[in-house]
């Protein structure tokens, strides 16, 4: 078996390789821009959920305060009766 002593390179430019490379670059850009949009949307949804959670927490605290007042009233009325 004879092996060539030097590397040989072809100076050809294959159209299929160029088109494939362009398609990969375009799909990569589209993927990254879509990913950026999804991250932005998720960030907005997360902020909205935090806001809703804070409002719910305040509402629950008010409701618990109301229940505490009612229980205190019931317990004080019970002590007076006894």
Protein backbone atom coordinates (compact mmCIF):
# COMPACT_ATOMS: atom_id res chain seq x y z
CA UNK A 1 0.00 0.00 0.00
CA UNK A 2 1.40 3.29 -0.98
CA UNK A 3 0.52 6.31 1.07
CA UNK A 4 0.76 9.83 -0.27
CA UNK A 5 3.54 11.85 1.22
CA UNK A 6 1.64 15.14 1.26
CA UNK A 7 -1.90 16.19 2.09
CA UNK A 8 -4.05 17.07 -0.83
CA UNK A 9 -6.85 19.63 -0.56
CA UNK A 10 -9.51 20.27 -3.16
CA UNK A 11 -10.28 23.91 -3.83
CA UNK A 12 -13.94 23.25 -4.53
CA UNK A 13 -16.94 24.88 -3.00
CA UNK A 14 -19.91 22.56 -2.83
CA UNK A 15 -23.29 24.30 -3.11
CA UNK A 16 -24.95 21.76 -0.79
CA UNK A 17 -22.45 22.52 1.98
CA UNK A 18 -23.00 26.27 1.62
CA UNK A 19 -26.79 25.90 1.72
CA UNK A 20 -26.61 23.56 4.73
CA UNK A 21 -24.38 25.99 6.61
CA UNK A 22 -26.72 28.90 5.85
CA UNK A 23 -29.74 26.85 6.96
CA UNK A 24 -28.00 25.94 10.22
CA UNK A 25 -27.11 29.57 10.91
CA UNK A 26 -30.65 30.77 10.21
CA UNK A 27 -32.19 28.06 12.37
CA UNK A 28 -29.75 28.90 15.18
CA UNK A 29 -30.71 32.58 15.07
CA UNK A 30 -34.42 31.73 15.05
CA UNK A 31 -33.97 29.35 17.99
CA UNK A 32 -32.07 31.92 20.06
CA UNK A 33 -34.59 34.69 19.35
CA UNK A 34 -37.48 32.35 20.25
CA UNK A 35 -35.67 31.37 23.43
CA UNK A 36 -35.24 35.04 24.34
CA UNK A 37 -38.97 35.67 23.83
CA UNK A 38 -39.88 32.70 26.03
CA UNK A 39 -37.53 33.87 28.79
CA UNK A 40 -39.07 37.34 28.66
CA UNK A 41 -42.60 35.91 28.80
CA UNK A 42 -41.72 33.66 31.73
CA UNK A 43 -40.19 36.60 33.58
CA UNK A 44 -43.38 38.63 33.15
CA UNK A 45 -45.54 35.71 34.27
CA UNK A 46 -43.33 35.19 37.31
CA UNK A 47 -43.67 38.84 38.32
CA UNK A 48 -47.43 38.61 37.87
CA UNK A 49 -47.61 35.47 40.01
CA UNK A 50 -45.53 37.14 42.74
CA UNK A 51 -47.94 40.05 42.73
CA UNK A 52 -50.96 37.74 42.99
CA UNK A 53 -49.26 35.80 45.80
CA UNK A 54 -48.67 38.99 47.78
CA UNK A 55 -52.29 40.06 47.34
CA UNK A 56 -53.52 36.62 48.42
CA UNK A 57 -51.24 36.68 51.44
CA UNK A 58 -52.61 40.07 52.52
CA UNK A 59 -56.18 38.85 52.04
CA UNK A 60 -55.48 35.74 54.14
CA UNK A 61 -53.89 37.83 56.90
CA UNK A 62 -56.95 40.11 57.00
CA UNK A 63 -59.24 37.09 57.15
CA UNK A 64 -57.20 35.53 59.97
CA UNK A 65 -57.32 38.81 61.90
CA UNK A 66 -61.09 38.82 61.52
CA UNK A 67 -61.27 35.23 62.79
CA UNK A 68 -59.04 36.13 65.74
CA UNK A 69 -61.33 39.01 66.70
CA UNK A 70 -64.39 36.78 66.51
CA UNK A 71 -62.73 34.11 68.64
CA UNK A 72 -61.67 36.70 71.21
CA UNK A 73 -65.24 37.98 71.33
CA UNK A 74 -66.61 34.47 71.79
CA UNK A 75 -64.08 33.61 74.49
CA UNK A 76 -64.68 36.84 76.40
CA UNK A 77 -68.47 36.31 76.20
CA UNK A 78 -68.04 32.77 77.46
CA UNK A 79 -65.98 33.98 80.44
CA UNK A 80 -68.62 36.52 81.37
CA UNK A 81 -71.36 33.87 81.32
CA UNK A 82 -69.42 31.51 83.58
